[in-house]
Amino acid sequence: MSKINVLIAGSTGYIGAQLVKLLTKHKKINIKYLCGSSSVGKKISYFDSNINDKYLPKIIKFNKKLLNKVDVVFAALPNGETQKLSNHLLKKNILIDLSADFRLRNPDNYKKWYKIKHSSIANIKKSIYALPEINRSKIKNYNIISCPGCYPTSILIPLVPLIKKNLIKHKNIIIDSKSGYSGAGRSIHKLYKNKNLYDSLSVYGIKNHRHNSEIQQELNLNTNRNVEFTFTPHLSPMFRGILSTIYVDINKNFNPKYISSYLKKYYQKEKFIKIIKLNKMVSTNDVINTNMCNISICSSKKKNKIVILSAIDNLIKGGSGQALQNFNIKFKFKESLGLI
């Protein structure tokens, strides 16, 4: 089989650059075009010196004519831009989107949370919310593949099977998530120009963080329950990684040990999910530069509660790595190809 020609739209952001790194190592992929807006004419190494761009094209402006020459478009664009691009897709094109443009099934919800009127509503119906460990079997049937957000990835992977099996209560769930500042994009340095970004911890998005909508949608759809949770994200003084600490109530007749063993069994065949020993602490350090999600079930001082710890690399499992994982599933390659 010849290599698959791909175009990366939005190749210079943190996730876009990480995506380039991964795709250059994938033996079935040929990066034909790197696209950007303000970076036209530059080499990708200008944005990340760790990328070997000897055989990579210079960055050009996206033009719909380029779609004739590629099979797959990876889009790491600002919210609102991929939906415009999707209106030009040809039948042969596969779109793998790392933005939020096709995550929400209801366009009214998208407008409510992202303050943008969706310009490609017809394509929402042709897309899938692609969290491999939850809905792998459906991904191959869609040509618009929407990759989950970083926070939701760390949250949905542990919660969906436990709520679905009725091991934990689906009310009063408290989610405290901390992310490296790369999750906010390169513009974060301008926003925090006069603040101590690298030595301080900041809370943001209380009540109105956009990922609330995505978490709510997917928890409800995958568990057939109206799940109630409070989600509070924090920006931490590290470059990459997410640690979500989730507080839940246990249903009667279950205990932390049983819940941990159930989750381990549930994900036993998953290459990128690791259930850590009961009550063992997890760290973002253990998942940095990997596509792994490490999860630990911990006992609480209250018998009817447990604490779930979930760690990922926001740029890989929460971004580019998950996109490549979905690519492998779509094209029936070994799922770990280019990721291990």
C-alpha atoms as a PDB file:
ATOM      1  CA  MET A   1       0.000   0.000   0.000  1.00  0.00           C
ATOM      2  CA  SER A   2       1.380   3.417  -0.965  1.00  0.00           C
ATOM      3  CA  LYS A   3       1.642   6.156   1.636  1.00  0.00           C
ATOM      4  CA  ILE A   4      -1.420   8.217   2.505  1.00  0.00           C
ATOM      5  CA  ASN A   5      -1.082  11.890   1.602  1.00  0.00           C
ATOM      6  CA  VAL A   6      -2.073  14.239   4.394  1.00  0.00           C
ATOM      7  CA  LEU A   7      -2.514  17.961   4.880  1.00  0.00           C
ATOM      8  CA  ILE A   8      -2.123  19.525   8.315  1.00  0.00           C
ATOM      9  CA  ALA A   9      -4.137  22.722   8.744  1.00  0.00           C
ATOM     10  CA  GLY A  10      -2.984  24.707  11.746  1.00  0.00           C
ATOM     11  CA  SER A  11       0.439  23.118  11.947  1.00  0.00           C
ATOM     12  CA  THR A  12       2.229  25.745  14.042  1.00  0.00           C
ATOM     13  CA  GLY A  13       0.324  25.697  17.347  1.00  0.00           C
ATOM     14  CA  TYR A  14       1.410  23.487  20.211  1.00  0.00           C
ATOM     15  CA  ILE A  15      -0.889  20.621  19.196  1.00  0.00           C
ATOM     16  CA  GLY A  16      -0.236  21.155  15.479  1.00  0.00           C
ATOM     17  CA  ALA A  17       3.528  20.983  15.965  1.00  0.00           C
ATOM     18  CA  GLN A  18       3.177  17.880  18.138  1.00  0.00           C
ATOM     19  CA  LEU A  19       1.049  16.336  15.403  1.00  0.00           C
ATOM     20  CA  VAL A  20       3.782  17.002  12.847  1.00  0.00           C
ATOM     21  CA  LYS A  21       6.285  15.235  15.117  1.00  0.00           C
ATOM     22  CA  LEU A  22       4.104  12.140  15.348  1.00  0.00           C
ATOM     23  CA  LEU A  23       3.140  11.970  11.687  1.00  0.00           C
ATOM     24  CA  THR A  24       6.742  12.244  10.478  1.00  0.00           C
ATOM     25  CA  LYS A  25       7.433   8.968  12.282  1.00  0.00           C
ATOM     26  CA  HIS A  26       4.411   7.134  10.845  1.00  0.00           C
ATOM     27  CA  LYS A  27       5.551   4.841   8.041  1.00  0.00           C
ATOM     28  CA  LYS A  28       2.205   4.960   6.214  1.00  0.00           C
ATOM     29  CA  ILE A  29       1.928   8.767   6.065  1.00  0.00           C
ATOM     30  CA  ASN A  30       3.318  11.341   3.665  1.00  0.00           C
ATOM     31  CA  ILE A  31       2.939  14.935   4.870  1.00  0.00           C
ATOM     32  CA  LYS A  32       2.189  16.681   1.595  1.00  0.00           C
ATOM     33  CA  TYR A  33       1.131  20.100   2.896  1.00  0.00           C
ATOM     34  CA  LEU A  34       1.615  22.105   6.059  1.00  0.00           C
ATOM     35  CA  CYS A  35      -0.802  25.018   6.232  1.00  0.00           C
ATOM     36  CA  GLY A  36      -0.887  28.156   8.320  1.00  0.00           C
ATOM     37  CA  SER A  37      -2.010  31.757   8.093  1.00  0.00           C
ATOM     38  CA  SER A  38       0.569  34.090   9.614  1.00  0.00           C
ATOM     39  CA  SER A  39       3.412  31.595   9.140  1.00  0.00           C
ATOM     40  CA  VAL A  40       3.417  31.246   5.348  1.00  0.00           C
ATOM     41  CA  GLY A  41       6.864  30.602   3.907  1.00  0.00           C
ATOM     42  CA  LYS A  42       8.419  29.445   7.160  1.00  0.00           C
ATOM     43  CA  LYS A  43       9.741  25.979   7.981  1.00  0.00           C
ATOM     44  CA  ILE A  44       7.997  24.139  10.787  1.00  0.00           C
ATOM     45  CA  SER A  45      11.251  23.992  12.781  1.00  0.00           C
ATOM     46  CA  TYR A  46      10.880  27.754  13.302  1.00  0.00           C
ATOM     47  CA  PHE A  47       8.054  26.898  15.737  1.00  0.00           C
ATOM     48  CA  ASP A  48       9.604  23.765  17.216  1.00  0.00           C
ATOM     49  CA  SER A  49      13.325  23.199  16.853  1.00  0.00           C
ATOM     50  CA  ASN A  50      12.906  19.531  17.794  1.00  0.00           C
ATOM     51  CA  ILE A  51      11.199  18.775  14.483  1.00  0.00           C
ATOM     52  CA  ASN A  52      13.434  17.452  11.727  1.00  0.00           C
ATOM     53  CA  ASP A  53      11.942  19.228   8.714  1.00  0.00           C
ATOM     54  CA  LYS A  54      14.570  18.268   6.157  1.00  0.00           C
ATOM     55  CA  TYR A  55      11.968  16.471   4.043  1.00  0.00           C
ATOM     56  CA  LEU A  56       8.944  18.520   5.055  1.00  0.00           C
ATOM     57  CA  PRO A  57       7.330  21.225   2.915  1.00  0.00           C
ATOM     58  CA  LYS A  58       7.329  24.872   3.889  1.00  0.00           C
ATOM     59  CA  ILE A  59       4.143  26.274   5.359  1.00  0.00           C
ATOM     60  CA  ILE A  60       1.618  27.545   2.831  1.00  0.00           C
ATOM     61  CA  LYS A  61      -1.820  29.120   3.006  1.00  0.00           C
ATOM     62  CA  PHE A  62      -4.715  26.687   2.758  1.00  0.00           C
ATOM     63  CA  ASN A  63      -6.504  26.550  -0.567  1.00  0.00           C
ATOM     64  CA  LYS A  64      -9.406  24.213  -1.311  1.00  0.00           C
ATOM     65  CA  LYS A  65      -7.613  23.071  -4.483  1.00  0.00           C
ATOM     66  CA  LEU A  66      -5.101  21.294  -2.246  1.00  0.00           C
ATOM     67  CA  LEU A  67      -7.845  18.847  -1.239  1.00  0.00           C
ATOM     68  CA  ASN A  68      -7.571  17.207  -4.671  1.00  0.00           C
ATOM     69  CA  LYS A  69      -4.074  16.022  -3.823  1.00  0.00           C
ATOM     70  CA  VAL A  70      -4.579  14.640  -0.315  1.00  0.00           C
ATOM     71  CA  ASP A  71      -6.491  11.804   1.290  1.00  0.00           C
ATOM     72  CA  VAL A  72      -6.618  13.081   4.867  1.00  0.00           C
ATOM     73  CA  VAL A  73      -6.858  16.516   6.452  1.00  0.00           C
ATOM     74  CA  PHE A  74      -5.743  16.882  10.048  1.00  0.00           C
ATOM     75  CA  ALA A  75      -7.169  20.162  11.349  1.00  0.00           C
ATOM     76  CA  ALA A  76      -5.728  21.807  14.465  1.00  0.00           C
ATOM     77  CA  LEU A  77      -7.386  25.140  13.807  1.00  0.00           C
ATOM     78  CA  PRO A  78      -9.066  27.675  16.100  1.00  0.00           C
ATOM     79  CA  ASN A  79     -12.698  26.877  16.883  1.00  0.00           C
ATOM     80  CA  GLY A  80     -14.963  27.952  14.026  1.00  0.00           C
ATOM     81  CA  GLU A  81     -12.416  27.431  11.241  1.00  0.00           C
ATOM     82  CA  THR A  82     -12.580  23.677  10.588  1.00  0.00           C
ATOM     83  CA  GLN A  83     -16.313  23.808   9.930  1.00  0.00           C
ATOM     84  CA  LYS A  84     -15.631  26.262   7.087  1.00  0.00           C
ATOM     85  CA  LEU A  85     -12.948  23.988   5.675  1.00  0.00           C
ATOM     86  CA  SER A  86     -15.313  20.999   5.902  1.00  0.00           C
ATOM     87  CA  ASN A  87     -17.674  22.596   3.383  1.00  0.00           C
ATOM     88  CA  HIS A  88     -14.991  22.110   0.710  1.00  0.00           C
ATOM     89  CA  LEU A  89     -14.226  18.452   1.410  1.00  0.00           C
ATOM     90  CA  LEU A  90     -14.251  16.036  -1.501  1.00  0.00           C
ATOM     91  CA  LYS A  91     -15.742  12.547  -1.278  1.00  0.00           C
ATOM     92  CA  LYS A  92     -12.281  11.040  -1.042  1.00  0.00           C
ATOM     93  CA  ASN A  93     -11.188  13.262   1.863  1.00  0.00           C
ATOM     94  CA  ILE A  94     -11.122  12.164   5.505  1.00  0.00           C
ATOM     95  CA  LEU A  95     -11.201  14.993   8.039  1.00  0.00           C
ATOM     96  CA  ILE A  96      -9.692  14.432  11.485  1.00  0.00           C
ATOM     97  CA  ASP A  97     -10.549  17.485  13.557  1.00  0.00           C
ATOM     98  CA  LEU A  98      -8.764  18.455  16.760  1.00  0.00           C
ATOM     99  CA  SER A  99     -10.914  21.536  17.411  1.00  0.00           C
ATOM    100  CA  ALA A 100     -14.376  21.582  19.000  1.00  0.00           C
ATOM    101  CA  ASP A 101     -16.252  22.195  15.739  1.00  0.00           C
ATOM    102  CA  PHE A 102     -17.812  18.728  15.474  1.00  0.00           C
ATOM    103  CA  ARG A 103     -17.821  17.580  19.082  1.00  0.00           C
ATOM    104  CA  LEU A 104     -21.295  18.830  19.992  1.00  0.00           C
ATOM    105  CA  ARG A 105     -24.247  17.144  18.303  1.00  0.00           C
ATOM    106  CA  ASN A 106     -26.568  20.113  18.766  1.00  0.00           C
ATOM    107  CA  PRO A 107     -25.544  23.273  16.839  1.00  0.00           C
ATOM    108  CA  ASP A 108     -27.486  25.410  19.315  1.00  0.00           C
ATOM    109  CA  ASN A 109     -25.265  24.095  22.104  1.00  0.00           C
ATOM    110  CA  TYR A 110     -22.232  24.927  20.015  1.00  0.00           C
ATOM    111  CA  LYS A 111     -23.435  28.493  19.620  1.00  0.00           C
ATOM    112  CA  LYS A 112     -24.239  28.739  23.332  1.00  0.00           C
ATOM    113  CA  TRP A 113     -20.808  27.594  24.482  1.00  0.00           C
ATOM    114  CA  TYR A 114     -18.537  28.822  21.690  1.00  0.00           C
ATOM    115  CA  LYS A 115     -20.421  32.005  20.730  1.00  0.00           C
ATOM    116  CA  ILE A 116     -20.174  31.028  17.044  1.00  0.00           C
ATOM    117  CA  LYS A 117     -23.020  30.108  14.720  1.00  0.00           C
ATOM    118  CA  HIS A 118     -22.159  26.768  13.148  1.00  0.00           C
ATOM    119  CA  SER A 119     -21.637  27.083   9.399  1.00  0.00           C
ATOM    120  CA  SER A 120     -21.678  23.378   8.523  1.00  0.00           C
ATOM    121  CA  ILE A 121     -24.642  21.855  10.327  1.00  0.00           C
ATOM    122  CA  ALA A 122     -25.085  19.148   7.666  1.00  0.00           C
ATOM    123  CA  ASN A 123     -21.586  17.875   8.406  1.00  0.00           C
ATOM    124  CA  ILE A 124     -22.311  17.522  12.120  1.00  0.00           C
ATOM    125  CA  LYS A 125     -24.565  14.616  11.210  1.00  0.00           C
ATOM    126  CA  LYS A 126     -21.744  13.087   9.176  1.00  0.00           C
ATOM    127  CA  SER A 127     -19.250  13.269  12.021  1.00  0.00           C
ATOM    128  CA  ILE A 128     -18.468  11.161  15.067  1.00  0.00           C
ATOM    129  CA  TYR A 129     -17.155  12.042  18.512  1.00  0.00           C
ATOM    130  CA  ALA A 130     -14.185   9.713  18.426  1.00  0.00           C
ATOM    131  CA  LEU A 131     -12.932   8.597  21.815  1.00  0.00           C
ATOM    132  CA  PRO A 132     -11.417   5.239  20.755  1.00  0.00           C
ATOM    133  CA  GLU A 133     -11.731   3.423  24.062  1.00  0.00           C
ATOM    134  CA  ILE A 134     -15.441   4.247  24.249  1.00  0.00           C
ATOM    135  CA  ASN A 135     -16.730   4.036  20.656  1.00  0.00           C
ATOM    136  CA  ARG A 136     -13.961   2.474  18.571  1.00  0.00           C
ATOM    137  CA  SER A 137     -16.254   0.259  16.482  1.00  0.00           C
ATOM    138  CA  LYS A 138     -18.145   3.217  14.985  1.00  0.00           C
ATOM    139  CA  ILE A 139     -15.166   5.355  13.966  1.00  0.00           C
ATOM    140  CA  LYS A 140     -14.416   3.548  10.716  1.00  0.00           C
ATOM    141  CA  ASN A 141     -17.904   4.400   9.428  1.00  0.00           C
ATOM    142  CA  TYR A 142     -17.324   8.165   9.374  1.00  0.00           C
ATOM    143  CA  ASN A 143     -15.277  10.517   7.208  1.00  0.00           C
ATOM    144  CA  ILE A 144     -15.383  13.403   9.679  1.00  0.00           C
ATOM    145  CA  ILE A 145     -13.707  12.315  12.887  1.00  0.00           C
ATOM    146  CA  SER A 146     -13.950  14.698  15.822  1.00  0.00           C
ATOM    147  CA  CYS A 147     -11.270  14.207  18.461  1.00  0.00           C
ATOM    148  CA  PRO A 148     -12.286  14.858  22.084  1.00  0.00           C
ATOM    149  CA  GLY A 149     -10.944  17.736  24.113  1.00  0.00           C
ATOM    150  CA  CYS A 150      -8.065  17.211  26.529  1.00  0.00           C
ATOM    151  CA  TYR A 151      -9.991  17.608  29.789  1.00  0.00           C
ATOM    152  CA  PRO A 152     -12.932  15.436  28.630  1.00  0.00           C
ATOM    153  CA  THR A 153     -10.533  12.663  27.588  1.00  0.00           C
ATOM    154  CA  SER A 154      -9.089  12.448  31.103  1.00  0.00           C
ATOM    155  CA  ILE A 155     -12.576  12.524  32.617  1.00  0.00           C
ATOM    156  CA  LEU A 156     -14.686  10.328  30.344  1.00  0.00           C
ATOM    157  CA  ILE A 157     -12.303   7.368  30.237  1.00  0.00           C
ATOM    158  CA  PRO A 158     -12.658   6.567  33.964  1.00  0.00           C
ATOM    159  CA  LEU A 159     -16.233   7.767  34.493  1.00  0.00           C
ATOM    160  CA  VAL A 160     -18.178   6.259  31.586  1.00  0.00           C
ATOM    161  CA  PRO A 161     -17.720   2.561  32.463  1.00  0.00           C
ATOM    162  CA  LEU A 162     -18.234   3.122  36.202  1.00  0.00           C
ATOM    163  CA  ILE A 163     -21.472   5.071  35.783  1.00  0.00           C
ATOM    164  CA  LYS A 164     -22.689   2.733  33.062  1.00  0.00           C
ATOM    165  CA  LYS A 165     -22.179  -0.286  35.350  1.00  0.00           C
ATOM    166  CA  ASN A 166     -23.869   1.608  38.206  1.00  0.00           C
ATOM    167  CA  LEU A 167     -20.851   1.229  40.488  1.00  0.00           C
ATOM    168  CA  ILE A 168     -20.844   4.919  41.362  1.00  0.00           C
ATOM    169  CA  LYS A 169     -23.607   7.460  41.716  1.00  0.00           C
ATOM    170  CA  HIS A 170     -24.228   9.753  38.765  1.00  0.00           C
ATOM    171  CA  LYS A 171     -25.007  12.770  40.948  1.00  0.00           C
ATOM    172  CA  ASN A 172     -22.752  15.122  42.899  1.00  0.00           C
ATOM    173  CA  ILE A 173     -19.575  14.316  40.946  1.00  0.00           C
ATOM    174  CA  ILE A 174     -16.781  16.820  41.613  1.00  0.00           C
ATOM    175  CA  ILE A 175     -14.058  17.166  38.969  1.00  0.00           C
ATOM    176  CA  ASP A 176     -10.902  19.150  39.697  1.00  0.00           C
ATOM    177  CA  SER A 177      -8.555  19.264  36.685  1.00  0.00           C
ATOM    178  CA  LYS A 178      -5.132  20.832  36.330  1.00  0.00           C
ATOM    179  CA  SER A 179      -3.489  21.384  32.962  1.00  0.00           C
ATOM    180  CA  GLY A 180      -0.135  22.541  31.699  1.00  0.00           C
ATOM    181  CA  TYR A 181      -0.255  25.957  30.062  1.00  0.00           C
ATOM    182  CA  SER A 182       0.232  24.512  26.556  1.00  0.00           C
ATOM    183  CA  GLY A 183      -3.454  23.594  26.718  1.00  0.00           C
ATOM    184  CA  ALA A 184      -4.286  27.280  26.380  1.00  0.00           C
ATOM    185  CA  GLY A 185      -2.252  27.655  23.166  1.00  0.00           C
ATOM    186  CA  ARG A 186       0.646  29.927  22.268  1.00  0.00           C
ATOM    187  CA  SER A 187      -1.421  33.047  22.956  1.00  0.00           C
ATOM    188  CA  ILE A 188      -1.278  32.299  26.678  1.00  0.00           C
ATOM    189  CA  HIS A 189       2.112  34.012  26.847  1.00  0.00           C
ATOM    190  CA  LYS A 190       0.559  37.284  25.677  1.00  0.00           C
ATOM    191  CA  LEU A 191      -2.389  36.980  28.036  1.00  0.00           C
ATOM    192  CA  TYR A 192      -0.054  36.398  30.982  1.00  0.00           C
ATOM    193  CA  LYS A 193       2.629  38.829  29.881  1.00  0.00           C
ATOM    194  CA  ASN A 194       2.488  40.764  33.146  1.00  0.00           C
ATOM    195  CA  LYS A 195       1.642  37.791  35.347  1.00  0.00           C
ATOM    196  CA  ASN A 196       3.758  35.046  36.817  1.00  0.00           C
ATOM    197  CA  LEU A 197       2.603  32.245  34.490  1.00  0.00           C
ATOM    198  CA  TYR A 198       5.536  29.937  35.199  1.00  0.00           C
ATOM    199  CA  ASP A 199       5.344  30.010  38.990  1.00  0.00           C
ATOM    200  CA  SER A 200       1.647  30.257  39.782  1.00  0.00           C
ATOM    201  CA  LEU A 201      -1.516  28.167  39.734  1.00  0.00           C
ATOM    202  CA  SER A 202      -4.664  29.780  38.317  1.00  0.00           C
ATOM    203  CA  VAL A 203      -8.283  28.701  38.294  1.00  0.00           C
ATOM    204  CA  TYR A 204     -10.384  29.634  35.279  1.00  0.00           C
ATOM    205  CA  GLY A 205     -13.667  28.854  33.552  1.00  0.00           C
ATOM    206  CA  ILE A 206     -15.656  28.260  36.739  1.00  0.00           C
ATOM    207  CA  LYS A 207     -19.207  27.443  35.641  1.00  0.00           C
ATOM    208  CA  ASN A 208     -18.657  28.310  31.972  1.00  0.00           C
ATOM    209  CA  HIS A 209     -15.651  26.344  30.693  1.00  0.00           C
ATOM    210  CA  ARG A 210     -16.558  25.130  27.206  1.00  0.00           C
ATOM    211  CA  HIS A 211     -15.641  21.518  27.939  1.00  0.00           C
ATOM    212  CA  ASN A 212     -18.616  21.328  30.304  1.00  0.00           C
ATOM    213  CA  SER A 213     -20.883  20.872  27.291  1.00  0.00           C
ATOM    214  CA  GLU A 214     -18.785  18.083  25.831  1.00  0.00           C
ATOM    215  CA  ILE A 215     -18.447  16.220  29.128  1.00  0.00           C
ATOM    216  CA  GLN A 216     -22.191  16.496  29.786  1.00  0.00           C
ATOM    217  CA  GLN A 217     -23.140  15.310  26.311  1.00  0.00           C
ATOM    218  CA  GLU A 218     -20.885  12.274  26.322  1.00  0.00           C
ATOM    219  CA  LEU A 219     -21.590  11.179  29.885  1.00  0.00           C
ATOM    220  CA  ASN A 220     -25.333  11.300  29.222  1.00  0.00           C
ATOM    221  CA  LEU A 221     -25.139   9.582  25.828  1.00  0.00           C
ATOM    222  CA  ASN A 222     -22.847   6.786  26.958  1.00  0.00           C
ATOM    223  CA  THR A 223     -24.511   6.007  30.283  1.00  0.00           C
ATOM    224  CA  ASN A 224     -28.188   6.747  29.513  1.00  0.00           C
ATOM    225  CA  ARG A 225     -28.356   8.880  32.634  1.00  0.00           C
ATOM    226  CA  ASN A 226     -28.630  12.563  33.385  1.00  0.00           C
ATOM    227  CA  VAL A 227     -25.251  12.922  35.040  1.00  0.00           C
ATOM    228  CA  GLU A 228     -24.679  15.838  37.424  1.00  0.00           C
ATOM    229  CA  PHE A 229     -21.170  17.135  37.956  1.00  0.00           C
ATOM    230  CA  THR A 230     -19.156  20.213  38.823  1.00  0.00           C
ATOM    231  CA  PHE A 231     -16.043  20.786  36.725  1.00  0.00           C
ATOM    232  CA  THR A 232     -13.318  23.266  37.656  1.00  0.00           C
ATOM    233  CA  PRO A 233     -10.155  23.554  35.518  1.00  0.00           C
ATOM    234  CA  HIS A 234      -6.844  25.062  36.586  1.00  0.00           C
ATOM    235  CA  LEU A 235      -3.823  26.326  34.677  1.00  0.00           C
ATOM    236  CA  SER A 236      -0.634  25.060  36.260  1.00  0.00           C
ATOM    237  CA  PRO A 237       2.979  26.223  35.888  1.00  0.00           C
ATOM    238  CA  MET A 238       4.061  23.229  33.802  1.00  0.00           C
ATOM    239  CA  PHE A 239       4.202  23.070  30.033  1.00  0.00           C
ATOM    240  CA  ARG A 240       2.190  19.914  29.369  1.00  0.00           C
ATOM    241  CA  GLY A 241       0.068  17.288  31.091  1.00  0.00           C
ATOM    242  CA  ILE A 242      -3.340  17.019  32.762  1.00  0.00           C
ATOM    243  CA  LEU A 243      -4.229  15.567  36.129  1.00  0.00           C
ATOM    244  CA  SER A 244      -7.937  15.208  36.863  1.00  0.00           C
ATOM    245  CA  THR A 245      -8.984  14.449  40.425  1.00  0.00           C
ATOM    246  CA  ILE A 246     -12.561  13.189  40.510  1.00  0.00           C
ATOM    247  CA  TYR A 247     -14.619  12.770  43.684  1.00  0.00           C
ATOM    248  CA  VAL A 248     -17.569  10.380  43.472  1.00  0.00           C
ATOM    249  CA  ASP A 249     -20.015   8.534  45.738  1.00  0.00           C
ATOM    250  CA  ILE A 250     -20.012   4.729  45.622  1.00  0.00           C
ATOM    251  CA  ASN A 251     -23.244   2.798  45.235  1.00  0.00           C
ATOM    252  CA  LYS A 252     -24.131   0.281  47.967  1.00  0.00           C
ATOM    253  CA  ASN A 253     -22.437  -3.130  48.027  1.00  0.00           C
ATOM    254  CA  PHE A 254     -19.309  -1.860  46.252  1.00  0.00           C
ATOM    255  CA  ASN A 255     -15.914  -0.813  47.549  1.00  0.00           C
ATOM    256  CA  PRO A 256     -12.747   0.823  46.147  1.00  0.00           C
ATOM    257  CA  LYS A 257     -10.987  -2.508  45.584  1.00  0.00           C
ATOM    258  CA  TYR A 258     -13.853  -3.912  43.535  1.00  0.00           C
ATOM    259  CA  ILE A 259     -14.174  -0.715  41.490  1.00  0.00           C
ATOM    260  CA  SER A 260     -10.461  -0.667  40.738  1.00  0.00           C
ATOM    261  CA  SER A 261     -10.458  -4.315  39.649  1.00  0.00           C
ATOM    262  CA  TYR A 262     -13.547  -3.759  37.502  1.00  0.00           C
ATOM    263  CA  LEU A 263     -11.927  -0.828  35.696  1.00  0.00           C
ATOM    264  CA  LYS A 264      -8.739  -2.829  35.177  1.00  0.00           C
ATOM    265  CA  LYS A 265     -10.708  -5.677  33.641  1.00  0.00           C
ATOM    266  CA  TYR A 266     -12.768  -3.296  31.518  1.00  0.00           C
ATOM    267  CA  TYR A 267      -9.657  -1.754  29.960  1.00  0.00           C
ATOM    268  CA  GLN A 268      -7.407  -4.832  30.040  1.00  0.00           C
ATOM    269  CA  LYS A 269      -7.056  -4.986  26.249  1.00  0.00           C
ATOM    270  CA  GLU A 270      -6.424  -1.269  25.796  1.00  0.00           C
ATOM    271  CA  LYS A 271      -2.825  -0.377  24.940  1.00  0.00           C
ATOM    272  CA  PHE A 272      -3.155   3.214  26.058  1.00  0.00           C
ATOM    273  CA  ILE A 273      -5.052   2.820  29.336  1.00  0.00           C
ATOM    274  CA  LYS A 274      -3.232   1.773  32.488  1.00  0.00           C
ATOM    275  CA  ILE A 275      -5.107   1.171  35.729  1.00  0.00           C
ATOM    276  CA  ILE A 276      -2.608   1.713  38.524  1.00  0.00           C
ATOM    277  CA  LYS A 277      -2.624  -0.277  41.742  1.00  0.00           C
ATOM    278  CA  LEU A 278      -5.316   0.694  44.261  1.00  0.00           C
ATOM    279  CA  ASN A 279      -4.461   3.818  46.301  1.00  0.00           C
ATOM    280  CA  LYS A 280      -1.294   4.496  44.357  1.00  0.00           C
ATOM    281  CA  MET A 281      -0.665   8.102  43.381  1.00  0.00           C
ATOM    282  CA  VAL A 282      -0.359   9.047  39.708  1.00  0.00           C
ATOM    283  CA  SER A 283       1.630  11.862  38.172  1.00  0.00           C
ATOM    284  CA  THR A 284       1.687  13.659  34.853  1.00  0.00           C
ATOM    285  CA  ASN A 285       5.385  12.808  34.811  1.00  0.00           C
ATOM    286  CA  ASP A 286       4.457   9.184  34.067  1.00  0.00           C
ATOM    287  CA  VAL A 287       2.501  10.024  30.909  1.00  0.00           C
ATOM    288  CA  ILE A 288       4.425  12.945  29.394  1.00  0.00           C
ATOM    289  CA  ASN A 289       5.286  12.358  25.718  1.00  0.00           C
ATOM    290  CA  THR A 290       3.035   9.279  25.555  1.00  0.00           C
ATOM    291  CA  ASN A 291      -0.486   8.462  24.415  1.00  0.00           C
ATOM    292  CA  MET A 292      -1.248   6.888  27.800  1.00  0.00           C
ATOM    293  CA  CYS A 293      -4.022   7.574  30.271  1.00  0.00           C
ATOM    294  CA  ASN A 294      -3.015   6.424  33.765  1.00  0.00           C
ATOM    295  CA  ILE A 295      -5.830   5.959  36.273  1.00  0.00           C
ATOM    296  CA  SER A 296      -5.854   5.171  39.977  1.00  0.00           C
ATOM    297  CA  ILE A 297      -8.789   4.459  42.272  1.00  0.00           C
ATOM    298  CA  CYS A 298      -8.150   5.742  45.794  1.00  0.00           C
ATOM    299  CA  SER A 299     -10.037   5.246  49.019  1.00  0.00           C
ATOM    300  CA  SER A 300     -11.435   8.302  50.765  1.00  0.00           C
ATOM    301  CA  LYS A 301     -11.667   8.991  54.487  1.00  0.00           C
ATOM    302  CA  LYS A 302     -15.409   8.503  53.956  1.00  0.00           C
ATOM    303  CA  LYS A 303     -16.407   4.920  53.179  1.00  0.00           C
ATOM    304  CA  ASN A 304     -19.058   5.870  50.667  1.00  0.00           C
ATOM    305  CA  LYS A 305     -16.661   7.911  48.530  1.00  0.00           C
ATOM    306  CA  ILE A 306     -13.646   7.307  46.303  1.00  0.00           C
ATOM    307  CA  VAL A 307     -11.165   9.578  44.589  1.00  0.00           C
ATOM    308  CA  ILE A 308     -10.311   8.862  40.948  1.00  0.00           C
ATOM    309  CA  LEU A 309      -6.989  10.124  39.605  1.00  0.00           C
ATOM    310  CA  SER A 310      -6.554  10.359  35.836  1.00  0.00           C
ATOM    311  CA  ALA A 311      -3.404  11.623  34.093  1.00  0.00           C
ATOM    312  CA  ILE A 312      -2.716  12.263  30.398  1.00  0.00           C
ATOM    313  CA  ASP A 313      -0.445  14.327  28.185  1.00  0.00           C
ATOM    314  CA  ASN A 314      -2.788  17.027  26.895  1.00  0.00           C
ATOM    315  CA  LEU A 315      -0.826  17.406  23.637  1.00  0.00           C
ATOM    316  CA  ILE A 316      -0.815  13.688  22.824  1.00  0.00           C
ATOM    317  CA  LYS A 317      -3.616  11.601  24.366  1.00  0.00           C
ATOM    318  CA  GLY A 318      -5.565  14.831  24.749  1.00  0.00           C
ATOM    319  CA  GLY A 319      -4.753  15.962  21.211  1.00  0.00           C
ATOM    320  CA  SER A 320      -2.427  14.827  18.440  1.00  0.00           C
ATOM    321  CA  GLY A 321      -1.873  11.271  19.690  1.00  0.00           C
ATOM    322  CA  GLN A 322      -5.587  10.611  19.883  1.00  0.00           C
ATOM    323  CA  ALA A 323      -5.945  12.024  16.363  1.00  0.00           C
ATOM    324  CA  LEU A 324      -3.314   9.592  15.099  1.00  0.00           C
ATOM    325  CA  GLN A 325      -4.952   6.753  17.032  1.00  0.00           C
ATOM    326  CA  ASN A 326      -8.221   7.548  15.252  1.00  0.00           C
ATOM    327  CA  PHE A 327      -6.382   7.690  11.910  1.00  0.00           C
ATOM    328  CA  ASN A 328      -5.014   4.192  12.517  1.00  0.00           C
ATOM    329  CA  ILE A 329      -8.474   2.892  13.380  1.00  0.00           C
ATOM    330  CA  LYS A 330     -10.017   4.468  10.288  1.00  0.00           C
ATOM    331  CA  PHE A 331      -7.433   2.946   7.968  1.00  0.00           C
ATOM    332  CA  LYS A 332      -7.275  -0.393   9.825  1.00  0.00           C
ATOM    333  CA  PHE A 333      -3.638  -0.023  10.762  1.00  0.00           C
ATOM    334  CA  LYS A 334      -2.231  -1.308  14.015  1.00  0.00           C
ATOM    335  CA  GLU A 335      -3.664   1.137  16.532  1.00  0.00           C
ATOM    336  CA  SER A 336      -0.317   1.864  18.149  1.00  0.00           C
ATOM    337  CA  LEU A 337       1.474   2.561  14.838  1.00  0.00           C
ATOM    338  CA  GLY A 338       3.478   5.768  15.206  1.00  0.00           C
ATOM    339  CA  LEU A 339       2.536   6.061  18.874  1.00  0.00           C
ATOM    340  CA  ILE A 340       4.856   3.575  20.581  1.00  0.00           C
END
